[in-house]
Structures are given as structure tokens and as C-alpha cells.
Amino acid sequence: MLKNDIEGRKKWKKYNWMRRVRKRRLRKLREKAKKVYRQQRWSQLWKNKEWVARRCELMNIEPNKAENNLILLFKTYNLPYEYVGNFKKIIGRKCPDFVSEDETKVIELFGSYWHSEKITKENEDEHVKKRIDYFKRYGYDTLIIWENELDNYVQLLKRVREFTFNNKEK
């Protein structure tokens, strides 16, 4: 009797262990399926222009301090850039910060924190190159301005003018 009881317990433990493993596997499969579904659904939503417009309107994004400084610089020196960081213009699936009036040039203002290696999980040079290449696919030349470059207006203005009027990328 004791021997059968011990064997029964072993079988029961093994059965419970197998049930737990099966449950874990099913849970992982369900989570994976949900993730795939969300990604597919999300990409479909971004193709719907009405949904994108409504979503962007509800976000009510306004320029931050650094972007306001650049807006002021562009207005002061009559540079042909408009702030579109509030989702006025979406290129592919990205929203640039500034677009030129002739819509061939993009200026991106990278904050020191949000575009750092810590947040993006990639080297800053790689991150910049990816962004430039992304907009290049859609026919835009891109200038990346880092937040700390706003301290030196003379050099920044020279760089923006060179990018705008001499058609050079940096």
C-alpha cells in the first residue's frame, strides 16, 4: 500500500509539472499571438489617414523650449522652415520637426536625453544615420541638430544656411 501511494504521488507530481509546463507554453504562445496581432493592427491603423489625423489632433502637441528657439531663429533670419512636429506632416511613419517650404529638406532637433544611447539602445552616429536614411528614402535631405548646439547660434545659423542654400548634407 505504501509503495503504491508513493508511486501515485510521483505520478501526480509529474502530471502537475507537465500541466504547469503546458500552461506556461500556451501562455507564451498566446502572448506572442497577441503581440503579432497588435503589430499588424497597428500598422493597418497607420495606413488610415483619417485615424492618423484624429489621433494627432487629440495629442495636441506643442513645440518644446528648444523647438521654440529654432522657430524663433528661422523667423528672425527668414529661413524657409515650418514646424510640423505636431503631426502636421507625416513622412512614412515618422513625424519630422521642421520641413522646408519647398518640401525637400527636413530638420530634426534631437534632444540630448531622448535621442541618447541610453534611450535608443544604439550608438548616436547609427541613430543619426538611420534617421537621415529614412527620410532619404522619401526624397528628403535631412539635417540633424542636437539640443546642445542651440547654445552657439552663430555656428548653428551658418550650418542651417549652408544646408538650406548650398544643398549640402551634414
N, C-alpha and C. Protein backbone atom coordinates (compact mmCIF):
# COMPACT_ATOMS: atom_id res chain seq x y z
N MET A 1 0.82 -1.20 0.00
CA MET A 1 0.00 0.00 0.00
C MET A 1 0.86 1.26 0.00
N LEU A 2 1.90 1.27 0.80
CA LEU A 2 2.78 2.43 0.89
C LEU A 2 3.51 2.67 -0.43
N LYS A 3 3.91 1.56 -1.07
CA LYS A 3 4.61 1.67 -2.34
C LYS A 3 3.69 2.28 -3.41
N ASN A 4 2.47 1.85 -3.48
CA ASN A 4 1.51 2.40 -4.44
C ASN A 4 1.24 3.88 -4.16
N ASP A 5 1.17 4.24 -2.90
CA ASP A 5 0.93 5.63 -2.51
C ASP A 5 2.08 6.52 -2.99
N ILE A 6 3.31 6.07 -2.81
CA ILE A 6 4.48 6.85 -3.23
C ILE A 6 4.51 6.97 -4.75
N GLU A 7 4.26 5.88 -5.44
CA GLU A 7 4.24 5.92 -6.91
C GLU A 7 3.13 6.85 -7.41
N GLY A 8 1.99 6.80 -6.72
CA GLY A 8 0.87 7.69 -7.08
C GLY A 8 1.26 9.15 -6.94
N ARG A 9 1.94 9.45 -5.85
CA ARG A 9 2.38 10.84 -5.63
C ARG A 9 3.36 11.27 -6.72
N LYS A 10 4.28 10.37 -7.08
CA LYS A 10 5.25 10.70 -8.12
C LYS A 10 4.54 10.98 -9.44
N LYS A 11 3.58 10.10 -9.76
CA LYS A 11 2.83 10.31 -11.00
C LYS A 11 2.07 11.63 -10.95
N TRP A 12 1.46 11.91 -9.80
CA TRP A 12 0.69 13.15 -9.63
C TRP A 12 1.61 14.36 -9.77
N LYS A 13 2.80 14.32 -9.16
CA LYS A 13 3.76 15.42 -9.28
C LYS A 13 4.15 15.64 -10.73
N LYS A 14 4.45 14.51 -11.41
CA LYS A 14 4.84 14.59 -12.81
C LYS A 14 3.70 15.16 -13.64
N TYR A 15 2.48 14.73 -13.38
CA TYR A 15 1.31 15.21 -14.10
C TYR A 15 1.13 16.71 -13.87
N ASN A 16 1.22 17.14 -12.61
CA ASN A 16 1.10 18.58 -12.30
C ASN A 16 2.21 19.38 -12.95
N TRP A 17 3.42 18.84 -12.92
CA TRP A 17 4.54 19.54 -13.52
C TRP A 17 4.30 19.71 -15.03
N MET A 18 3.83 18.65 -15.68
CA MET A 18 3.56 18.72 -17.11
C MET A 18 2.43 19.70 -17.41
N ARG A 19 1.41 19.75 -16.55
CA ARG A 19 0.32 20.71 -16.73
C ARG A 19 0.83 22.14 -16.64
N ARG A 20 1.69 22.39 -15.65
CA ARG A 20 2.25 23.75 -15.49
C ARG A 20 3.09 24.13 -16.70
N VAL A 21 3.90 23.18 -17.18
CA VAL A 21 4.72 23.46 -18.36
C VAL A 21 3.83 23.76 -19.56
N ARG A 22 2.79 22.96 -19.75
CA ARG A 22 1.87 23.16 -20.86
C ARG A 22 1.19 24.52 -20.75
N LYS A 23 0.76 24.86 -19.53
CA LYS A 23 0.11 26.17 -19.33
C LYS A 23 1.06 27.31 -19.67
N ARG A 24 2.32 27.19 -19.21
CA ARG A 24 3.32 28.22 -19.50
C ARG A 24 3.53 28.37 -21.00
N ARG A 25 3.66 27.23 -21.68
CA ARG A 25 3.86 27.27 -23.13
C ARG A 25 2.67 27.91 -23.84
N LEU A 26 1.46 27.53 -23.42
CA LEU A 26 0.26 28.13 -24.03
C LEU A 26 0.20 29.63 -23.77
N ARG A 27 0.54 30.04 -22.55
CA ARG A 27 0.53 31.46 -22.20
C ARG A 27 1.51 32.22 -23.09
N LYS A 28 2.70 31.66 -23.27
CA LYS A 28 3.70 32.31 -24.12
C LYS A 28 3.21 32.41 -25.56
N LEU A 29 2.60 31.33 -26.05
CA LEU A 29 2.07 31.34 -27.41
C LEU A 29 0.97 32.39 -27.57
N ARG A 30 0.08 32.47 -26.57
CA ARG A 30 -0.99 33.47 -26.63
C ARG A 30 -0.42 34.88 -26.63
N GLU A 31 0.57 35.13 -25.76
CA GLU A 31 1.17 36.46 -25.70
C GLU A 31 1.83 36.82 -27.03
N LYS A 32 2.52 35.83 -27.62
CA LYS A 32 3.17 36.05 -28.90
C LYS A 32 2.12 36.36 -29.98
N ALA A 33 1.04 35.61 -29.99
CA ALA A 33 -0.03 35.83 -30.97
C ALA A 33 -0.65 37.21 -30.78
N LYS A 34 -0.88 37.62 -29.53
CA LYS A 34 -1.44 38.95 -29.26
C LYS A 34 -0.50 40.03 -29.77
N LYS A 35 0.79 39.83 -29.53
CA LYS A 35 1.77 40.83 -29.96
C LYS A 35 1.77 40.98 -31.48
N VAL A 36 1.76 39.85 -32.18
CA VAL A 36 1.72 39.88 -33.65
C VAL A 36 0.45 40.57 -34.12
N TYR A 37 -0.69 40.24 -33.50
CA TYR A 37 -1.96 40.85 -33.88
C TYR A 37 -1.92 42.35 -33.67
N ARG A 38 -1.39 42.77 -32.51
CA ARG A 38 -1.30 44.21 -32.23
C ARG A 38 -0.43 44.92 -33.26
N GLN A 39 0.72 44.30 -33.61
CA GLN A 39 1.61 44.91 -34.59
C GLN A 39 0.92 45.04 -35.95
N GLN A 40 0.22 43.99 -36.36
CA GLN A 40 -0.47 44.04 -37.64
C GLN A 40 -1.58 45.08 -37.61
N ARG A 41 -2.32 45.09 -36.53
CA ARG A 41 -3.42 46.04 -36.40
C ARG A 41 -2.88 47.47 -36.38
N TRP A 42 -1.78 47.66 -35.64
CA TRP A 42 -1.18 48.99 -35.51
C TRP A 42 -0.72 49.49 -36.88
N SER A 43 -0.06 48.63 -37.66
CA SER A 43 0.42 49.06 -38.97
C SER A 43 -0.76 49.37 -39.90
N GLN A 44 -1.86 48.63 -39.77
CA GLN A 44 -3.05 48.91 -40.57
C GLN A 44 -3.67 50.26 -40.19
N LEU A 45 -3.68 50.55 -38.90
CA LEU A 45 -4.23 51.83 -38.45
C LEU A 45 -3.45 53.01 -39.00
N TRP A 46 -2.12 52.90 -39.02
CA TRP A 46 -1.29 54.00 -39.51
C TRP A 46 -1.47 54.24 -41.00
N LYS A 47 -2.04 53.28 -41.71
CA LYS A 47 -2.31 53.48 -43.14
C LYS A 47 -3.61 54.25 -43.36
N ASN A 48 -4.46 54.30 -42.34
CA ASN A 48 -5.73 55.01 -42.41
C ASN A 48 -5.50 56.49 -42.08
N LYS A 49 -5.57 57.35 -43.08
CA LYS A 49 -5.24 58.77 -42.89
C LYS A 49 -6.19 59.48 -41.93
N GLU A 50 -7.45 59.09 -41.93
CA GLU A 50 -8.41 59.72 -41.02
C GLU A 50 -8.06 59.40 -39.58
N TRP A 51 -7.70 58.14 -39.31
CA TRP A 51 -7.33 57.74 -37.95
C TRP A 51 -6.09 58.48 -37.49
N VAL A 52 -5.10 58.60 -38.39
CA VAL A 52 -3.86 59.30 -38.05
C VAL A 52 -4.16 60.76 -37.73
N ALA A 53 -4.97 61.40 -38.56
CA ALA A 53 -5.31 62.81 -38.34
C ALA A 53 -6.03 62.99 -37.01
N ARG A 54 -6.98 62.11 -36.71
CA ARG A 54 -7.73 62.21 -35.46
C ARG A 54 -6.82 62.00 -34.26
N ARG A 55 -5.95 61.01 -34.36
CA ARG A 55 -5.02 60.70 -33.27
C ARG A 55 -4.08 61.88 -33.01
N CYS A 56 -3.55 62.45 -34.08
CA CYS A 56 -2.62 63.57 -33.94
C CYS A 56 -3.32 64.80 -33.36
N GLU A 57 -4.55 65.01 -33.76
CA GLU A 57 -5.32 66.14 -33.24
C GLU A 57 -5.56 65.99 -31.74
N LEU A 58 -5.87 64.77 -31.33
CA LEU A 58 -6.12 64.52 -29.91
C LEU A 58 -4.87 64.66 -29.05
N MET A 59 -3.70 64.42 -29.65
CA MET A 59 -2.45 64.50 -28.89
C MET A 59 -2.12 65.95 -28.52
N ASN A 60 -2.56 66.91 -29.33
CA ASN A 60 -2.40 68.32 -29.05
C ASN A 60 -0.96 68.67 -28.67
N ILE A 61 -0.02 68.34 -29.54
CA ILE A 61 1.40 68.54 -29.27
C ILE A 61 1.79 69.97 -29.61
N GLU A 62 2.56 70.58 -28.73
CA GLU A 62 3.07 71.92 -28.95
C GLU A 62 4.59 71.87 -28.91
N PRO A 63 5.26 72.83 -29.54
CA PRO A 63 6.72 72.82 -29.55
C PRO A 63 7.29 73.00 -28.14
N ASN A 64 8.40 72.31 -27.88
CA ASN A 64 9.07 72.46 -26.59
C ASN A 64 9.98 73.68 -26.64
N LYS A 65 10.72 73.91 -25.57
CA LYS A 65 11.56 75.11 -25.47
C LYS A 65 12.62 75.17 -26.58
N ALA A 66 13.29 74.06 -26.81
CA ALA A 66 14.34 74.02 -27.84
C ALA A 66 13.74 74.25 -29.23
N GLU A 67 12.59 73.64 -29.50
CA GLU A 67 11.94 73.84 -30.80
C GLU A 67 11.48 75.28 -30.96
N ASN A 68 10.99 75.88 -29.88
CA ASN A 68 10.61 77.30 -29.94
C ASN A 68 11.81 78.18 -30.26
N ASN A 69 12.98 77.84 -29.71
CA ASN A 69 14.19 78.61 -30.03
C ASN A 69 14.53 78.51 -31.51
N LEU A 70 14.38 77.30 -32.08
CA LEU A 70 14.65 77.14 -33.51
C LEU A 70 13.61 77.87 -34.36
N ILE A 71 12.36 77.83 -33.94
CA ILE A 71 11.30 78.56 -34.66
C ILE A 71 11.63 80.04 -34.69
N LEU A 72 12.06 80.57 -33.56
CA LEU A 72 12.43 81.98 -33.46
C LEU A 72 13.62 82.29 -34.38
N LEU A 73 14.60 81.41 -34.39
CA LEU A 73 15.77 81.59 -35.26
C LEU A 73 15.35 81.60 -36.74
N PHE A 74 14.48 80.69 -37.12
CA PHE A 74 14.03 80.62 -38.52
C PHE A 74 13.23 81.86 -38.90
N LYS A 75 12.39 82.34 -38.00
CA LYS A 75 11.60 83.55 -38.31
C LYS A 75 12.48 84.78 -38.37
N THR A 76 13.44 84.88 -37.45
CA THR A 76 14.31 86.04 -37.39
C THR A 76 15.13 86.19 -38.67
N TYR A 77 15.64 85.08 -39.16
CA TYR A 77 16.52 85.12 -40.33
C TYR A 77 15.81 84.67 -41.62
N ASN A 78 14.49 84.68 -41.61
CA ASN A 78 13.67 84.35 -42.79
C ASN A 78 14.11 83.04 -43.47
N LEU A 79 14.29 82.02 -42.67
CA LEU A 79 14.63 80.71 -43.22
C LEU A 79 13.34 79.96 -43.52
N PRO A 80 13.29 79.23 -44.63
CA PRO A 80 12.02 78.66 -45.11
C PRO A 80 11.61 77.34 -44.44
N TYR A 81 11.54 77.33 -43.12
CA TYR A 81 11.16 76.10 -42.43
C TYR A 81 9.92 76.32 -41.58
N GLU A 82 9.08 75.30 -41.58
CA GLU A 82 7.85 75.36 -40.81
C GLU A 82 7.87 74.22 -39.78
N TYR A 83 7.40 74.51 -38.59
CA TYR A 83 7.32 73.49 -37.54
C TYR A 83 6.17 72.54 -37.86
N VAL A 84 6.49 71.26 -38.00
CA VAL A 84 5.47 70.25 -38.27
C VAL A 84 5.56 69.10 -37.26
N GLY A 85 6.24 69.35 -36.15
CA GLY A 85 6.41 68.33 -35.12
C GLY A 85 5.13 67.98 -34.39
N ASN A 86 4.06 68.70 -34.67
CA ASN A 86 2.75 68.40 -34.07
C ASN A 86 1.92 67.52 -35.01
N PHE A 87 2.59 66.75 -35.83
CA PHE A 87 1.99 65.80 -36.77
C PHE A 87 1.23 66.47 -37.91
N LYS A 88 1.62 67.69 -38.27
CA LYS A 88 1.02 68.31 -39.45
C LYS A 88 1.45 67.55 -40.70
N LYS A 89 2.68 67.01 -40.65
CA LYS A 89 3.20 66.27 -41.79
C LYS A 89 3.82 64.98 -41.29
N ILE A 90 3.42 63.87 -41.91
CA ILE A 90 3.99 62.58 -41.55
C ILE A 90 4.64 62.02 -42.80
N ILE A 91 5.90 61.66 -42.66
CA ILE A 91 6.65 61.09 -43.78
C ILE A 91 6.86 59.62 -43.47
N GLY A 92 6.22 58.77 -44.24
CA GLY A 92 6.24 57.35 -43.92
C GLY A 92 5.48 57.14 -42.62
N ARG A 93 6.20 56.76 -41.58
CA ARG A 93 5.58 56.62 -40.26
C ARG A 93 6.25 57.52 -39.24
N LYS A 94 7.02 58.48 -39.71
CA LYS A 94 7.73 59.38 -38.80
C LYS A 94 7.27 60.81 -39.01
N CYS A 95 7.38 61.56 -37.94
CA CYS A 95 6.99 62.97 -37.98
C CYS A 95 8.23 63.83 -37.76
N PRO A 96 8.71 64.53 -38.78
CA PRO A 96 9.88 65.38 -38.60
C PRO A 96 9.53 66.62 -37.78
N ASP A 97 10.55 67.34 -37.32
CA ASP A 97 10.30 68.56 -36.54
C ASP A 97 10.05 69.76 -37.45
N PHE A 98 10.87 69.90 -38.49
CA PHE A 98 10.74 71.05 -39.40
C PHE A 98 10.86 70.57 -40.84
N VAL A 99 10.05 71.16 -41.71
CA VAL A 99 10.11 70.85 -43.14
C VAL A 99 10.21 72.17 -43.89
N SER A 100 11.01 72.17 -44.97
CA SER A 100 11.16 73.39 -45.76
C SER A 100 9.89 73.65 -46.56
N GLU A 101 9.73 74.90 -47.01
CA GLU A 101 8.53 75.27 -47.76
C GLU A 101 8.43 74.51 -49.08
N ASP A 102 9.56 74.26 -49.72
CA ASP A 102 9.52 73.50 -50.97
C ASP A 102 9.46 72.00 -50.71
N GLU A 103 9.44 71.62 -49.46
CA GLU A 103 9.27 70.24 -49.00
C GLU A 103 10.30 69.27 -49.59
N THR A 104 11.56 69.70 -49.59
CA THR A 104 12.62 68.79 -50.00
C THR A 104 13.65 68.61 -48.88
N LYS A 105 13.53 69.42 -47.84
CA LYS A 105 14.50 69.36 -46.75
C LYS A 105 13.79 69.23 -45.41
N VAL A 106 14.42 68.46 -44.54
CA VAL A 106 13.88 68.22 -43.19
C VAL A 106 14.96 68.57 -42.18
N ILE A 107 14.55 69.23 -41.11
CA ILE A 107 15.46 69.47 -39.99
C ILE A 107 14.89 68.76 -38.77
N GLU A 108 15.72 67.94 -38.16
CA GLU A 108 15.34 67.22 -36.95
C GLU A 108 16.12 67.79 -35.78
N LEU A 109 15.43 68.08 -34.70
CA LEU A 109 16.07 68.55 -33.49
C LEU A 109 16.10 67.39 -32.50
N PHE A 110 17.31 66.91 -32.21
CA PHE A 110 17.47 65.78 -31.30
C PHE A 110 17.78 66.28 -29.91
N GLY A 111 16.96 65.86 -28.96
CA GLY A 111 17.22 66.19 -27.57
C GLY A 111 18.32 65.30 -27.01
N SER A 112 19.08 65.84 -26.09
CA SER A 112 20.21 65.10 -25.53
C SER A 112 19.77 63.86 -24.76
N TYR A 113 18.58 63.87 -24.22
CA TYR A 113 18.12 62.72 -23.44
C TYR A 113 17.38 61.70 -24.32
N TRP A 114 16.36 62.14 -25.04
CA TRP A 114 15.50 61.20 -25.77
C TRP A 114 16.21 60.53 -26.94
N HIS A 115 17.26 61.14 -27.46
CA HIS A 115 17.97 60.54 -28.58
C HIS A 115 19.35 60.04 -28.13
N SER A 116 19.52 59.85 -26.84
CA SER A 116 20.79 59.34 -26.32
C SER A 116 20.87 57.83 -26.49
N GLU A 117 22.07 57.32 -26.32
CA GLU A 117 22.31 55.88 -26.46
C GLU A 117 21.52 55.10 -25.40
N LYS A 118 21.34 55.71 -24.25
CA LYS A 118 20.61 55.06 -23.15
C LYS A 118 19.16 54.76 -23.55
N ILE A 119 18.52 55.68 -24.24
CA ILE A 119 17.11 55.52 -24.61
C ILE A 119 16.94 54.76 -25.92
N THR A 120 17.73 55.11 -26.94
CA THR A 120 17.55 54.50 -28.26
C THR A 120 18.20 53.12 -28.37
N LYS A 121 19.07 52.80 -27.43
CA LYS A 121 19.77 51.50 -27.41
C LYS A 121 20.65 51.29 -28.64
N GLU A 122 21.09 52.40 -29.25
CA GLU A 122 22.03 52.30 -30.35
C GLU A 122 22.97 53.49 -30.31
N ASN A 123 24.11 53.35 -30.95
CA ASN A 123 25.11 54.40 -31.00
C ASN A 123 24.49 55.67 -31.60
N GLU A 124 24.90 56.83 -31.11
CA GLU A 124 24.31 58.09 -31.60
C GLU A 124 24.53 58.27 -33.10
N ASP A 125 25.73 57.91 -33.58
CA ASP A 125 26.01 58.04 -35.01
C ASP A 125 25.10 57.14 -35.85
N GLU A 126 24.88 55.92 -35.37
CA GLU A 126 23.98 55.00 -36.07
C GLU A 126 22.55 55.53 -36.07
N HIS A 127 22.15 56.09 -34.94
CA HIS A 127 20.79 56.63 -34.81
C HIS A 127 20.59 57.79 -35.80
N VAL A 128 21.58 58.67 -35.88
CA VAL A 128 21.50 59.80 -36.80
C VAL A 128 21.46 59.29 -38.24
N LYS A 129 22.33 58.35 -38.57
CA LYS A 129 22.38 57.80 -39.93
C LYS A 129 21.06 57.14 -40.31
N LYS A 130 20.46 56.41 -39.36
CA LYS A 130 19.17 55.77 -39.64
C LYS A 130 18.10 56.80 -39.98
N ARG A 131 18.07 57.88 -39.21
CA ARG A 131 17.06 58.91 -39.43
C ARG A 131 17.27 59.59 -40.78
N ILE A 132 18.53 59.90 -41.10
CA ILE A 132 18.84 60.54 -42.38
C ILE A 132 18.45 59.61 -43.54
N ASP A 133 18.82 58.35 -43.42
CA ASP A 133 18.50 57.37 -44.47
C ASP A 133 16.99 57.17 -44.61
N TYR A 134 16.28 57.20 -43.49
CA TYR A 134 14.82 57.02 -43.52
C TYR A 134 14.17 58.12 -44.37
N PHE A 135 14.50 59.37 -44.09
CA PHE A 135 13.90 60.46 -44.85
C PHE A 135 14.43 60.51 -46.27
N LYS A 136 15.65 60.03 -46.49
CA LYS A 136 16.23 59.99 -47.84
C LYS A 136 15.39 59.08 -48.75
N ARG A 137 14.86 57.97 -48.17
CA ARG A 137 14.02 57.06 -48.94
C ARG A 137 12.79 57.76 -49.52
N TYR A 138 12.33 58.80 -48.83
CA TYR A 138 11.15 59.54 -49.28
C TYR A 138 11.51 60.82 -50.04
N GLY A 139 12.82 60.98 -50.34
CA GLY A 139 13.26 62.11 -51.16
C GLY A 139 13.57 63.38 -50.39
N TYR A 140 13.87 63.27 -49.10
CA TYR A 140 14.17 64.44 -48.28
C TYR A 140 15.63 64.44 -47.85
N ASP A 141 16.26 65.61 -47.94
CA ASP A 141 17.58 65.79 -47.34
C ASP A 141 17.34 66.14 -45.88
N THR A 142 18.20 65.66 -44.99
CA THR A 142 17.95 65.84 -43.56
C THR A 142 19.16 66.44 -42.86
N LEU A 143 18.88 67.40 -42.02
CA LEU A 143 19.90 67.98 -41.14
C LEU A 143 19.49 67.67 -39.71
N ILE A 144 20.42 67.10 -38.96
CA ILE A 144 20.17 66.79 -37.56
C ILE A 144 20.84 67.86 -36.71
N ILE A 145 20.07 68.48 -35.84
CA ILE A 145 20.61 69.47 -34.90
C ILE A 145 20.43 68.91 -33.50
N TRP A 146 21.53 68.88 -32.76
CA TRP A 146 21.47 68.41 -31.38
C TRP A 146 21.12 69.58 -30.46
N GLU A 147 20.43 69.29 -29.40
CA GLU A 147 19.96 70.31 -28.46
C GLU A 147 21.10 71.18 -27.93
N ASN A 148 22.25 70.57 -27.69
CA ASN A 148 23.37 71.35 -27.14
C ASN A 148 23.97 72.31 -28.17
N GLU A 149 23.67 72.14 -29.45
CA GLU A 149 24.15 73.05 -30.49
C GLU A 149 23.39 74.38 -30.47
N LEU A 150 22.28 74.45 -29.78
CA LEU A 150 21.49 75.69 -29.71
C LEU A 150 22.21 76.76 -28.90
N ASP A 151 23.23 76.37 -28.15
CA ASP A 151 23.98 77.34 -27.35
C ASP A 151 24.80 78.28 -28.22
N ASN A 152 25.26 77.80 -29.38
CA ASN A 152 26.09 78.60 -30.28
C ASN A 152 25.27 78.96 -31.52
N TYR A 153 24.52 80.07 -31.44
CA TYR A 153 23.62 80.46 -32.52
C TYR A 153 24.35 80.79 -33.81
N VAL A 154 25.53 81.39 -33.71
CA VAL A 154 26.25 81.80 -34.92
C VAL A 154 26.63 80.57 -35.75
N GLN A 155 27.20 79.57 -35.09
CA GLN A 155 27.61 78.36 -35.79
C GLN A 155 26.38 77.59 -36.30
N LEU A 156 25.32 77.56 -35.48
CA LEU A 156 24.09 76.88 -35.87
C LEU A 156 23.47 77.54 -37.10
N LEU A 157 23.40 78.87 -37.09
CA LEU A 157 22.84 79.60 -38.23
C LEU A 157 23.65 79.35 -39.49
N LYS A 158 24.96 79.34 -39.36
CA LYS A 158 25.83 79.07 -40.51
C LYS A 158 25.56 77.67 -41.07
N ARG A 159 25.42 76.71 -40.17
CA ARG A 159 25.16 75.32 -40.59
C ARG A 159 23.81 75.18 -41.29
N VAL A 160 22.79 75.83 -40.74
CA VAL A 160 21.44 75.75 -41.33
C VAL A 160 21.42 76.44 -42.69
N ARG A 161 22.05 77.61 -42.80
CA ARG A 161 22.09 78.32 -44.09
C ARG A 161 22.83 77.50 -45.14
N GLU A 162 23.94 76.90 -44.73
CA GLU A 162 24.72 76.07 -45.65
C GLU A 162 23.87 74.89 -46.13
N PHE A 163 23.15 74.27 -45.22
CA PHE A 163 22.29 73.15 -45.58
C PHE A 163 21.15 73.60 -46.49
N THR A 164 20.57 74.75 -46.20
CA THR A 164 19.42 75.23 -46.94
C THR A 164 19.78 75.72 -48.34
N PHE A 165 20.81 76.54 -48.42
CA PHE A 165 21.08 77.22 -49.69
C PHE A 165 22.17 76.55 -50.53
N ASN A 166 23.08 75.83 -49.93
CA ASN A 166 24.15 75.19 -50.70
C ASN A 166 23.88 73.72 -50.97
N ASN A 167 22.72 73.23 -50.47
CA ASN A 167 22.30 71.86 -50.72
C ASN A 167 23.34 70.84 -50.26
N LYS A 168 23.94 71.09 -49.09
CA LYS A 168 24.90 70.13 -48.53
C LYS A 168 24.26 69.44 -47.34
N GLU A 169 24.55 68.15 -47.21
CA GLU A 169 24.05 67.37 -46.06
C GLU A 169 25.12 67.29 -45.01
N LYS A 170 24.68 67.28 -43.77
CA LYS A 170 25.60 67.06 -42.66
C LYS A 170 24.98 66.11 -41.71
